[in-house]
Amino acid sequence: MIKKLFCQFSLSYRISSITALLLLIFSIPVANAQIFEKNIDYEKIFKEGLSRNGKTLNLGGKKIGDLGVKKLLESDFLKKVTRLDLRYNEITEKGAIALASVSALSNLKSLVLRKNDISDNGTVSLANSQSFPNLTELQLGWNEIHDPGGLALANSKNFPKLKKLDLRGNFLASATKQALQKQLPHIKKLRFF
């Protein structure tokens, strides 16, 4: 009887230990990510990314995320930027919505948002935004965009100077691709593949 109780206690002790160990293992990466995020020196990253007399800002691969976009939009130098490269930055629809709502980007001619996760909501916000009157190039490839986002771009009248639109790697039906081609005839380079 004592041996049986000891075995049950031992088994439940092992299960609790394993559970505690698993919780510890899986919480460490989250804790490290939070610590890392708090220590990001956004100003330094932005300063290092500026070139061409402050007209180009290359933040490709810096993984600034939505918080970084928010910090970026608070920067005065952004008014001068004509090319903004934000590819591979873990930006979601929140970051795209923030970009779409700011007026400091009226000089922007090229916006690169490839390989993020802005989805349909972020794309619809960009399409409805009047913040990009001089935009000639918009790269939205590999952003989990489906037909609602594609159709919002097709119906948008907010990109009168747009010449290049990259939508590769998204999930657009043939009818949506045709609508984009038909309703945006001023675009010289429209990429789906």
N, C-alpha and C. Protein backbone atom coordinates (compact mmCIF):
# COMPACT_ATOMS: atom_id res chain seq x y z
N MET A 1 0.82 -1.20 0.00
CA MET A 1 0.00 0.00 0.00
C MET A 1 0.87 1.26 0.00
N ILE A 2 1.87 1.26 0.86
CA ILE A 2 2.77 2.41 0.93
C ILE A 2 3.51 2.57 -0.39
N LYS A 3 3.92 1.43 -0.94
CA LYS A 3 4.63 1.47 -2.23
C LYS A 3 3.72 2.06 -3.32
N LYS A 4 2.45 1.66 -3.33
CA LYS A 4 1.48 2.17 -4.32
C LYS A 4 1.29 3.69 -4.16
N LEU A 5 1.14 4.16 -2.92
CA LEU A 5 1.00 5.60 -2.67
C LEU A 5 2.26 6.35 -3.10
N PHE A 6 3.41 5.76 -2.83
CA PHE A 6 4.66 6.40 -3.22
C PHE A 6 4.75 6.51 -4.74
N CYS A 7 4.35 5.47 -5.45
CA CYS A 7 4.37 5.49 -6.92
C CYS A 7 3.42 6.57 -7.47
N GLN A 8 2.22 6.67 -6.87
CA GLN A 8 1.28 7.71 -7.32
C GLN A 8 1.83 9.10 -7.04
N PHE A 9 2.41 9.29 -5.86
CA PHE A 9 3.01 10.59 -5.52
C PHE A 9 4.17 10.91 -6.47
N SER A 10 4.99 9.91 -6.73
CA SER A 10 6.14 10.08 -7.60
C SER A 10 5.69 10.46 -9.01
N LEU A 11 4.65 9.78 -9.52
CA LEU A 11 4.14 10.07 -10.86
C LEU A 11 3.56 11.47 -10.92
N SER A 12 2.76 11.86 -9.93
CA SER A 12 2.17 13.20 -9.96
C SER A 12 3.25 14.27 -9.78
N TYR A 13 4.29 13.97 -9.01
CA TYR A 13 5.41 14.90 -8.85
C TYR A 13 6.14 15.09 -10.18
N ARG A 14 6.33 13.98 -10.91
CA ARG A 14 7.00 14.06 -12.22
C ARG A 14 6.16 14.88 -13.20
N ILE A 15 4.86 14.65 -13.21
CA ILE A 15 3.98 15.39 -14.12
C ILE A 15 4.02 16.88 -13.78
N SER A 16 3.97 17.23 -12.48
CA SER A 16 4.04 18.65 -12.11
C SER A 16 5.38 19.24 -12.50
N SER A 17 6.44 18.48 -12.33
CA SER A 17 7.77 18.96 -12.69
C SER A 17 7.88 19.19 -14.19
N ILE A 18 7.36 18.24 -14.94
CA ILE A 18 7.39 18.37 -16.40
C ILE A 18 6.56 19.57 -16.83
N THR A 19 5.38 19.74 -16.25
CA THR A 19 4.54 20.89 -16.58
C THR A 19 5.26 22.20 -16.25
N ALA A 20 5.87 22.26 -15.09
CA ALA A 20 6.61 23.47 -14.69
C ALA A 20 7.76 23.73 -15.64
N LEU A 21 8.46 22.67 -16.03
CA LEU A 21 9.59 22.81 -16.95
C LEU A 21 9.12 23.32 -18.31
N LEU A 22 8.02 22.74 -18.80
CA LEU A 22 7.48 23.19 -20.09
C LEU A 22 7.06 24.66 -20.04
N LEU A 23 6.41 25.05 -18.96
CA LEU A 23 6.01 26.45 -18.81
C LEU A 23 7.23 27.36 -18.82
N LEU A 24 8.27 26.95 -18.14
CA LEU A 24 9.50 27.73 -18.09
C LEU A 24 10.15 27.84 -19.47
N ILE A 25 10.22 26.71 -20.16
CA ILE A 25 10.85 26.69 -21.49
C ILE A 25 10.10 27.60 -22.46
N PHE A 26 8.76 27.50 -22.46
CA PHE A 26 7.99 28.27 -23.42
C PHE A 26 7.82 29.73 -23.03
N SER A 27 8.04 30.08 -21.79
CA SER A 27 7.92 31.49 -21.39
C SER A 27 9.20 32.26 -21.59
N ILE A 28 10.34 31.57 -21.66
CA ILE A 28 11.62 32.26 -21.85
C ILE A 28 11.68 33.00 -23.18
N PRO A 29 11.31 32.36 -24.31
CA PRO A 29 11.36 33.13 -25.57
C PRO A 29 10.45 34.35 -25.56
N VAL A 30 9.27 34.23 -24.95
CA VAL A 30 8.36 35.37 -24.88
C VAL A 30 8.97 36.47 -24.04
N ALA A 31 9.54 36.11 -22.91
CA ALA A 31 10.17 37.10 -22.04
C ALA A 31 11.34 37.76 -22.75
N ASN A 32 12.16 36.96 -23.44
CA ASN A 32 13.29 37.53 -24.17
C ASN A 32 12.83 38.44 -25.28
N ALA A 33 11.76 38.06 -25.98
CA ALA A 33 11.24 38.91 -27.05
C ALA A 33 10.76 40.25 -26.48
N GLN A 34 10.11 40.20 -25.32
CA GLN A 34 9.63 41.44 -24.71
C GLN A 34 10.80 42.30 -24.26
N ILE A 35 11.81 41.68 -23.67
CA ILE A 35 12.99 42.44 -23.25
C ILE A 35 13.67 43.04 -24.47
N PHE A 36 13.82 42.23 -25.53
CA PHE A 36 14.48 42.71 -26.74
C PHE A 36 13.70 43.88 -27.34
N GLU A 37 12.37 43.75 -27.39
CA GLU A 37 11.55 44.80 -27.98
C GLU A 37 11.71 46.12 -27.21
N LYS A 38 11.80 46.05 -25.91
CA LYS A 38 11.93 47.26 -25.11
C LYS A 38 13.28 47.95 -25.31
N ASN A 39 14.28 47.17 -25.72
CA ASN A 39 15.62 47.72 -25.88
C ASN A 39 15.93 48.16 -27.30
N ILE A 40 14.97 48.15 -28.18
CA ILE A 40 15.23 48.58 -29.55
C ILE A 40 15.44 50.08 -29.57
N ASP A 41 16.54 50.48 -30.16
CA ASP A 41 16.85 51.90 -30.31
C ASP A 41 16.35 52.34 -31.69
N TYR A 42 15.07 52.70 -31.75
CA TYR A 42 14.45 53.05 -33.03
C TYR A 42 15.14 54.24 -33.69
N GLU A 43 15.48 55.24 -32.92
CA GLU A 43 16.13 56.42 -33.49
C GLU A 43 17.42 56.05 -34.19
N LYS A 44 18.19 55.16 -33.59
CA LYS A 44 19.45 54.72 -34.19
C LYS A 44 19.17 53.96 -35.49
N ILE A 45 18.20 53.04 -35.44
CA ILE A 45 17.84 52.28 -36.64
C ILE A 45 17.40 53.21 -37.76
N PHE A 46 16.57 54.19 -37.43
CA PHE A 46 16.08 55.13 -38.44
C PHE A 46 17.23 55.95 -39.01
N LYS A 47 18.10 56.43 -38.15
CA LYS A 47 19.23 57.25 -38.59
C LYS A 47 20.16 56.46 -39.51
N GLU A 48 20.42 55.21 -39.15
CA GLU A 48 21.28 54.36 -39.98
C GLU A 48 20.64 54.04 -41.32
N GLY A 49 19.32 54.02 -41.38
CA GLY A 49 18.62 53.69 -42.62
C GLY A 49 18.47 54.84 -43.59
N LEU A 50 18.72 56.05 -43.13
CA LEU A 50 18.57 57.23 -43.99
C LEU A 50 19.76 57.37 -44.95
N SER A 51 19.47 57.74 -46.18
CA SER A 51 20.51 58.03 -47.17
C SER A 51 19.96 59.03 -48.19
N ARG A 52 20.81 59.42 -49.11
CA ARG A 52 20.45 60.35 -50.18
C ARG A 52 19.86 61.64 -49.62
N ASN A 53 20.61 62.26 -48.72
CA ASN A 53 20.19 63.52 -48.09
C ASN A 53 18.85 63.41 -47.38
N GLY A 54 18.58 62.25 -46.80
CA GLY A 54 17.35 62.07 -46.04
C GLY A 54 16.13 61.76 -46.89
N LYS A 55 16.33 61.47 -48.17
CA LYS A 55 15.19 61.19 -49.05
C LYS A 55 14.85 59.70 -49.13
N THR A 56 15.81 58.84 -48.77
CA THR A 56 15.57 57.40 -48.79
C THR A 56 15.72 56.86 -47.38
N LEU A 57 14.74 56.07 -46.97
CA LEU A 57 14.81 55.41 -45.67
C LEU A 57 14.64 53.91 -45.90
N ASN A 58 15.74 53.18 -45.72
CA ASN A 58 15.73 51.73 -45.93
C ASN A 58 15.75 51.04 -44.57
N LEU A 59 14.61 50.49 -44.20
CA LEU A 59 14.48 49.74 -42.95
C LEU A 59 14.20 48.27 -43.22
N GLY A 60 14.51 47.82 -44.43
CA GLY A 60 14.27 46.44 -44.80
C GLY A 60 14.94 45.46 -43.85
N GLY A 61 14.15 44.53 -43.31
CA GLY A 61 14.66 43.49 -42.45
C GLY A 61 14.96 43.90 -41.02
N LYS A 62 14.62 45.08 -40.63
CA LYS A 62 14.91 45.54 -39.26
C LYS A 62 13.90 45.05 -38.23
N LYS A 63 12.79 44.48 -38.70
CA LYS A 63 11.76 43.90 -37.83
C LYS A 63 11.26 44.90 -36.79
N ILE A 64 10.95 46.10 -37.26
CA ILE A 64 10.49 47.14 -36.34
C ILE A 64 9.05 46.93 -35.90
N GLY A 65 8.28 46.15 -36.64
CA GLY A 65 6.90 45.85 -36.26
C GLY A 65 6.00 47.08 -36.24
N ASP A 66 4.82 46.91 -35.72
CA ASP A 66 3.83 47.99 -35.65
C ASP A 66 4.27 49.11 -34.71
N LEU A 67 4.93 48.74 -33.62
CA LEU A 67 5.42 49.75 -32.68
C LEU A 67 6.46 50.63 -33.36
N GLY A 68 7.34 50.02 -34.14
CA GLY A 68 8.35 50.78 -34.87
C GLY A 68 7.73 51.72 -35.89
N VAL A 69 6.66 51.27 -36.56
CA VAL A 69 5.96 52.13 -37.51
C VAL A 69 5.40 53.34 -36.78
N LYS A 70 4.81 53.10 -35.63
CA LYS A 70 4.25 54.20 -34.82
C LYS A 70 5.35 55.21 -34.46
N LYS A 71 6.50 54.70 -34.02
CA LYS A 71 7.63 55.58 -33.67
C LYS A 71 8.12 56.33 -34.90
N LEU A 72 8.18 55.63 -36.03
CA LEU A 72 8.64 56.24 -37.27
C LEU A 72 7.73 57.40 -37.68
N LEU A 73 6.45 57.22 -37.54
CA LEU A 73 5.49 58.25 -37.95
C LEU A 73 5.55 59.49 -37.07
N GLU A 74 6.20 59.39 -35.92
CA GLU A 74 6.38 60.54 -35.03
C GLU A 74 7.64 61.34 -35.39
N SER A 75 8.42 60.85 -36.35
CA SER A 75 9.69 61.47 -36.72
C SER A 75 9.51 62.62 -37.71
N ASP A 76 10.17 63.74 -37.44
CA ASP A 76 10.08 64.91 -38.33
C ASP A 76 10.73 64.68 -39.68
N PHE A 77 11.83 63.90 -39.71
CA PHE A 77 12.56 63.71 -40.96
C PHE A 77 11.73 62.99 -42.02
N LEU A 78 10.65 62.33 -41.62
CA LEU A 78 9.84 61.55 -42.54
C LEU A 78 9.21 62.41 -43.63
N LYS A 79 9.03 63.69 -43.34
CA LYS A 79 8.42 64.60 -44.33
C LYS A 79 9.26 64.72 -45.60
N LYS A 80 10.58 64.53 -45.47
CA LYS A 80 11.49 64.64 -46.62
C LYS A 80 11.61 63.35 -47.42
N VAL A 81 11.24 62.24 -46.82
CA VAL A 81 11.48 60.92 -47.42
C VAL A 81 10.61 60.74 -48.67
N THR A 82 11.27 60.30 -49.76
CA THR A 82 10.55 60.00 -50.99
C THR A 82 10.50 58.49 -51.27
N ARG A 83 11.42 57.73 -50.67
CA ARG A 83 11.41 56.26 -50.80
C ARG A 83 11.49 55.65 -49.40
N LEU A 84 10.49 54.82 -49.07
CA LEU A 84 10.42 54.18 -47.76
C LEU A 84 10.34 52.67 -47.95
N ASP A 85 11.39 51.98 -47.50
CA ASP A 85 11.48 50.52 -47.64
C ASP A 85 11.23 49.88 -46.28
N LEU A 86 10.09 49.21 -46.16
CA LEU A 86 9.69 48.56 -44.91
C LEU A 86 9.50 47.06 -45.09
N ARG A 87 10.14 46.45 -46.06
CA ARG A 87 9.97 45.01 -46.27
C ARG A 87 10.57 44.21 -45.12
N TYR A 88 10.02 43.03 -44.89
CA TYR A 88 10.47 42.11 -43.83
C TYR A 88 10.50 42.80 -42.47
N ASN A 89 9.42 43.39 -42.06
CA ASN A 89 9.40 44.12 -40.79
C ASN A 89 8.31 43.67 -39.83
N GLU A 90 7.64 42.58 -40.13
CA GLU A 90 6.60 42.06 -39.25
C GLU A 90 5.50 43.08 -38.98
N ILE A 91 5.19 43.85 -40.00
CA ILE A 91 4.13 44.86 -39.90
C ILE A 91 2.80 44.19 -40.20
N THR A 92 1.82 44.46 -39.35
CA THR A 92 0.49 43.89 -39.52
C THR A 92 -0.45 44.98 -40.04
N GLU A 93 -1.74 44.66 -40.05
CA GLU A 93 -2.73 45.64 -40.50
C GLU A 93 -2.68 46.90 -39.63
N LYS A 94 -2.33 46.77 -38.34
CA LYS A 94 -2.24 47.94 -37.47
C LYS A 94 -1.21 48.93 -37.98
N GLY A 95 -0.06 48.43 -38.39
CA GLY A 95 0.99 49.30 -38.93
C GLY A 95 0.57 49.94 -40.24
N ALA A 96 -0.10 49.17 -41.09
CA ALA A 96 -0.57 49.71 -42.38
C ALA A 96 -1.64 50.77 -42.16
N ILE A 97 -2.52 50.54 -41.21
CA ILE A 97 -3.56 51.53 -40.90
C ILE A 97 -2.92 52.81 -40.37
N ALA A 98 -1.88 52.68 -39.55
CA ALA A 98 -1.16 53.85 -39.04
C ALA A 98 -0.51 54.61 -40.19
N LEU A 99 0.13 53.90 -41.11
CA LEU A 99 0.74 54.55 -42.28
C LEU A 99 -0.31 55.30 -43.10
N ALA A 100 -1.46 54.68 -43.26
CA ALA A 100 -2.52 55.27 -44.08
C ALA A 100 -3.14 56.50 -43.45
N SER A 101 -2.97 56.67 -42.15
CA SER A 101 -3.66 57.78 -41.47
C SER A 101 -2.78 59.01 -41.25
N VAL A 102 -1.55 58.98 -41.70
CA VAL A 102 -0.64 60.10 -41.44
C VAL A 102 -0.52 60.98 -42.69
N SER A 103 -0.36 62.27 -42.47
CA SER A 103 -0.22 63.18 -43.62
C SER A 103 1.23 63.52 -43.93
N ALA A 104 2.16 63.02 -43.12
CA ALA A 104 3.58 63.35 -43.31
C ALA A 104 4.20 62.66 -44.52
N LEU A 105 3.45 61.86 -45.24
CA LEU A 105 4.01 61.08 -46.35
C LEU A 105 3.63 61.64 -47.71
N SER A 106 3.28 62.88 -47.79
CA SER A 106 2.83 63.45 -49.07
C SER A 106 3.95 63.53 -50.11
N ASN A 107 5.21 63.49 -49.70
CA ASN A 107 6.33 63.51 -50.65
C ASN A 107 6.75 62.12 -51.09
N LEU A 108 6.18 61.10 -50.49
CA LEU A 108 6.58 59.73 -50.75
C LEU A 108 6.24 59.32 -52.18
N LYS A 109 7.25 58.79 -52.89
CA LYS A 109 7.05 58.30 -54.25
C LYS A 109 7.08 56.78 -54.31
N SER A 110 7.81 56.16 -53.38
CA SER A 110 7.94 54.70 -53.39
C SER A 110 7.73 54.16 -51.98
N LEU A 111 6.80 53.21 -51.86
CA LEU A 111 6.51 52.57 -50.58
C LEU A 111 6.64 51.06 -50.77
N VAL A 112 7.60 50.47 -50.06
CA VAL A 112 7.87 49.04 -50.16
C VAL A 112 7.43 48.37 -48.87
N LEU A 113 6.41 47.54 -48.96
CA LEU A 113 5.87 46.82 -47.80
C LEU A 113 5.88 45.31 -48.02
N ARG A 114 6.71 44.83 -48.92
CA ARG A 114 6.76 43.39 -49.21
C ARG A 114 7.09 42.57 -47.97
N LYS A 115 6.57 41.33 -47.98
CA LYS A 115 6.89 40.34 -46.94
C LYS A 115 6.55 40.82 -45.54
N ASN A 116 5.37 41.35 -45.36
CA ASN A 116 4.83 41.70 -44.05
C ASN A 116 3.52 40.93 -43.89
N ASP A 117 2.61 41.43 -43.12
CA ASP A 117 1.34 40.75 -42.91
C ASP A 117 0.22 41.78 -42.77
N ILE A 118 0.12 42.68 -43.77
CA ILE A 118 -0.84 43.77 -43.64
C ILE A 118 -2.27 43.33 -43.94
N SER A 119 -2.44 42.22 -44.61
CA SER A 119 -3.74 41.61 -44.89
C SER A 119 -4.71 42.56 -45.59
N ASP A 120 -5.95 42.14 -45.67
CA ASP A 120 -6.96 42.93 -46.38
C ASP A 120 -7.27 44.25 -45.67
N ASN A 121 -7.41 44.22 -44.35
CA ASN A 121 -7.75 45.46 -43.64
C ASN A 121 -6.68 46.53 -43.83
N GLY A 122 -5.43 46.15 -43.76
CA GLY A 122 -4.35 47.11 -43.98
C GLY A 122 -4.34 47.62 -45.41
N THR A 123 -4.60 46.74 -46.36
CA THR A 123 -4.61 47.13 -47.77
C THR A 123 -5.78 48.06 -48.06
N VAL A 124 -6.94 47.76 -47.51
CA VAL A 124 -8.11 48.64 -47.70
C VAL A 124 -7.82 50.03 -47.13
N SER A 125 -7.17 50.09 -45.98
CA SER A 125 -6.82 51.39 -45.38
C SER A 125 -5.86 52.16 -46.28
N LEU A 126 -4.86 51.48 -46.83
CA LEU A 126 -3.93 52.15 -47.75
C LEU A 126 -4.67 52.64 -49.00
N ALA A 127 -5.56 51.79 -49.53
CA ALA A 127 -6.31 52.16 -50.74
C ALA A 127 -7.22 53.36 -50.50
N ASN A 128 -7.77 53.47 -49.30
CA ASN A 128 -8.68 54.57 -48.98
C ASN A 128 -7.97 55.83 -48.50
N SER A 129 -6.68 55.73 -48.29
CA SER A 129 -5.91 56.85 -47.74
C SER A 129 -5.62 57.91 -48.80
N GLN A 130 -5.62 59.14 -48.35
CA GLN A 130 -5.23 60.25 -49.23
C GLN A 130 -3.85 60.77 -48.85
N SER A 131 -3.08 59.95 -48.14
CA SER A 131 -1.76 60.33 -47.67
C SER A 131 -0.65 60.15 -48.70
N PHE A 132 -0.97 59.59 -49.87
CA PHE A 132 0.07 59.25 -50.84
C PHE A 132 -0.20 59.85 -52.23
N PRO A 133 -0.41 61.14 -52.35
CA PRO A 133 -0.78 61.70 -53.65
C PRO A 133 0.32 61.62 -54.70
N ASN A 134 1.58 61.46 -54.28
CA ASN A 134 2.69 61.43 -55.23
C ASN A 134 3.29 60.05 -55.42
N LEU A 135 2.66 59.04 -54.87
CA LEU A 135 3.19 57.69 -54.93
C LEU A 135 3.21 57.17 -56.37
N THR A 136 4.39 56.72 -56.81
CA THR A 136 4.52 56.13 -58.15
C THR A 136 4.77 54.63 -58.09
N GLU A 137 5.21 54.14 -56.92
CA GLU A 137 5.50 52.71 -56.77
C GLU A 137 4.97 52.22 -55.42
N LEU A 138 4.22 51.11 -55.47
CA LEU A 138 3.68 50.50 -54.26
C LEU A 138 3.93 48.99 -54.33
N GLN A 139 4.73 48.48 -53.39
CA GLN A 139 5.07 47.06 -53.37
C GLN A 139 4.39 46.40 -52.17
N LEU A 140 3.42 45.54 -52.47
CA LEU A 140 2.63 44.86 -51.44
C LEU A 140 2.71 43.34 -51.56
N GLY A 141 3.73 42.84 -52.21
CA GLY A 141 3.87 41.40 -52.40
C GLY A 141 3.99 40.65 -51.09
N TRP A 142 3.42 39.43 -51.05
CA TRP A 142 3.51 38.51 -49.92
C TRP A 142 3.02 39.15 -48.62
N ASN A 143 1.78 39.59 -48.62
CA ASN A 143 1.19 40.26 -47.47
C ASN A 143 -0.15 39.68 -47.05
N GLU A 144 -0.46 38.46 -47.48
CA GLU A 144 -1.73 37.83 -47.10
C GLU A 144 -2.93 38.65 -47.57
N ILE A 145 -2.82 39.22 -48.76
CA ILE A 145 -3.90 40.02 -49.33
C ILE A 145 -4.78 39.11 -50.19
N HIS A 146 -6.08 39.23 -49.99
CA HIS A 146 -7.06 38.47 -50.76
C HIS A 146 -7.89 39.44 -51.60
N ASP A 147 -9.00 38.97 -52.12
CA ASP A 147 -9.81 39.78 -53.03
C ASP A 147 -10.31 41.10 -52.44
N PRO A 148 -10.76 41.18 -51.18
CA PRO A 148 -11.21 42.48 -50.67
C PRO A 148 -10.12 43.56 -50.75
N GLY A 149 -8.89 43.19 -50.42
CA GLY A 149 -7.79 44.16 -50.51
C GLY A 149 -7.47 44.52 -51.95
N GLY A 150 -7.43 43.51 -52.80
CA GLY A 150 -7.16 43.75 -54.22
C GLY A 150 -8.22 44.62 -54.87
N LEU A 151 -9.48 44.36 -54.56
CA LEU A 151 -10.56 45.16 -55.14
C LEU A 151 -10.57 46.59 -54.59
N ALA A 152 -10.17 46.75 -53.35
CA ALA A 152 -10.07 48.11 -52.79
C ALA A 152 -9.02 48.91 -53.55
N LEU A 153 -7.91 48.27 -53.90
CA LEU A 153 -6.88 48.95 -54.70
C LEU A 153 -7.41 49.26 -56.10
N ALA A 154 -8.13 48.30 -56.68
CA ALA A 154 -8.68 48.50 -58.02
C ALA A 154 -9.65 49.68 -58.06
N ASN A 155 -10.43 49.86 -57.00
CA ASN A 155 -11.44 50.92 -56.95
C ASN A 155 -10.91 52.25 -56.41
N SER A 156 -9.68 52.27 -55.97
CA SER A 156 -9.13 53.48 -55.36
C SER A 156 -8.82 54.55 -56.41
N LYS A 157 -9.13 55.76 -56.05
CA LYS A 157 -8.79 56.92 -56.89
C LYS A 157 -7.69 57.74 -56.22
N ASN A 158 -7.06 57.17 -55.19
CA ASN A 158 -6.10 57.92 -54.38
C ASN A 158 -4.65 57.77 -54.81
N PHE A 159 -4.39 57.11 -55.93
CA PHE A 159 -3.02 56.94 -56.42
C PHE A 159 -2.93 57.42 -57.86
N PRO A 160 -3.14 58.69 -58.12
CA PRO A 160 -3.20 59.17 -59.50
C PRO A 160 -1.87 59.05 -60.25
N LYS A 161 -0.75 59.00 -59.55
CA LYS A 161 0.57 58.94 -60.20
C LYS A 161 1.19 57.55 -60.16
N LEU A 162 0.49 56.56 -59.65
CA LEU A 162 1.02 55.22 -59.49
C LEU A 162 1.35 54.59 -60.84
N LYS A 163 2.59 54.13 -60.98
CA LYS A 163 3.05 53.48 -62.22
C LYS A 163 3.41 52.02 -62.01
N LYS A 164 3.79 51.65 -60.76
CA LYS A 164 4.19 50.28 -60.46
C LYS A 164 3.43 49.78 -59.23
N LEU A 165 2.79 48.62 -59.40
CA LEU A 165 2.07 47.98 -58.30
C LEU A 165 2.46 46.51 -58.27
N ASP A 166 3.06 46.09 -57.16
CA ASP A 166 3.51 44.71 -57.01
C ASP A 166 2.61 44.00 -56.00
N LEU A 167 1.90 42.99 -56.47
CA LEU A 167 0.99 42.19 -55.63
C LEU A 167 1.35 40.71 -55.67
N ARG A 168 2.58 40.38 -56.00
CA ARG A 168 3.00 38.99 -56.08
C ARG A 168 2.85 38.29 -54.73
N GLY A 169 2.59 36.99 -54.79
CA GLY A 169 2.56 36.18 -53.59
C GLY A 169 1.32 36.36 -52.73
N ASN A 170 0.31 37.02 -53.25
CA ASN A 170 -0.95 37.19 -52.52
C ASN A 170 -1.99 36.23 -53.09
N PHE A 171 -3.20 36.33 -52.63
CA PHE A 171 -4.23 35.35 -52.98
C PHE A 171 -5.39 36.04 -53.70
N LEU A 172 -5.14 36.41 -54.93
CA LEU A 172 -6.13 37.16 -55.71
C LEU A 172 -6.74 36.27 -56.79
N ALA A 173 -8.06 36.31 -56.89
CA ALA A 173 -8.76 35.55 -57.93
C ALA A 173 -8.53 36.21 -59.28
N SER A 174 -8.76 35.45 -60.32
CA SER A 174 -8.58 35.97 -61.69
C SER A 174 -9.44 37.21 -61.92
N ALA A 175 -10.67 37.20 -61.42
CA ALA A 175 -11.57 38.35 -61.60
C ALA A 175 -11.00 39.61 -60.92
N THR A 176 -10.36 39.45 -59.78
CA THR A 176 -9.76 40.59 -59.09
C THR A 176 -8.57 41.11 -59.87
N LYS A 177 -7.76 40.22 -60.41
CA LYS A 177 -6.61 40.63 -61.23
C LYS A 177 -7.09 41.39 -62.48
N GLN A 178 -8.15 40.90 -63.08
CA GLN A 178 -8.71 41.58 -64.25
C GLN A 178 -9.25 42.96 -63.88
N ALA A 179 -9.89 43.06 -62.73
CA ALA A 179 -10.42 44.35 -62.27
C ALA A 179 -9.27 45.34 -62.05
N LEU A 180 -8.20 44.87 -61.47
CA LEU A 180 -7.03 45.74 -61.26
C LEU A 180 -6.47 46.23 -62.59
N GLN A 181 -6.34 45.34 -63.56
CA GLN A 181 -5.82 45.72 -64.88
C GLN A 181 -6.76 46.71 -65.58
N LYS A 182 -8.05 46.46 -65.48
CA LYS A 182 -9.03 47.30 -66.18
C LYS A 182 -9.19 48.66 -65.52
N GLN A 183 -9.26 48.68 -64.20
CA GLN A 183 -9.57 49.93 -63.50
C GLN A 183 -8.35 50.77 -63.18
N LEU A 184 -7.17 50.24 -63.39
CA LEU A 184 -5.94 51.02 -63.17
C LEU A 184 -5.08 51.01 -64.43
N PRO A 185 -5.62 51.53 -65.53
CA PRO A 185 -4.88 51.46 -66.80
C PRO A 185 -3.60 52.33 -66.81
N HIS A 186 -3.50 53.28 -65.90
CA HIS A 186 -2.31 54.15 -65.86
C HIS A 186 -1.09 53.44 -65.26
N ILE A 187 -1.28 52.27 -64.68
CA ILE A 187 -0.15 51.53 -64.11
C ILE A 187 0.57 50.80 -65.23
N LYS A 188 1.86 51.09 -65.37
CA LYS A 188 2.66 50.50 -66.44
C LYS A 188 3.19 49.12 -66.06
N LYS A 189 3.40 48.88 -64.76
CA LYS A 189 3.96 47.60 -64.33
C LYS A 189 3.11 47.07 -63.16
N LEU A 190 2.23 46.13 -63.49
CA LEU A 190 1.36 45.50 -62.51
C LEU A 190 1.79 44.04 -62.40
N ARG A 191 2.28 43.63 -61.22
CA ARG A 191 2.85 42.30 -61.06
C ARG A 191 2.00 41.44 -60.12
N PHE A 192 1.65 40.25 -60.64
CA PHE A 192 0.94 39.25 -59.84
C PHE A 192 1.80 38.02 -59.62
N PHE A 193 2.76 37.77 -60.53
CA PHE A 193 3.61 36.56 -60.47
C PHE A 193 5.06 36.94 -60.39
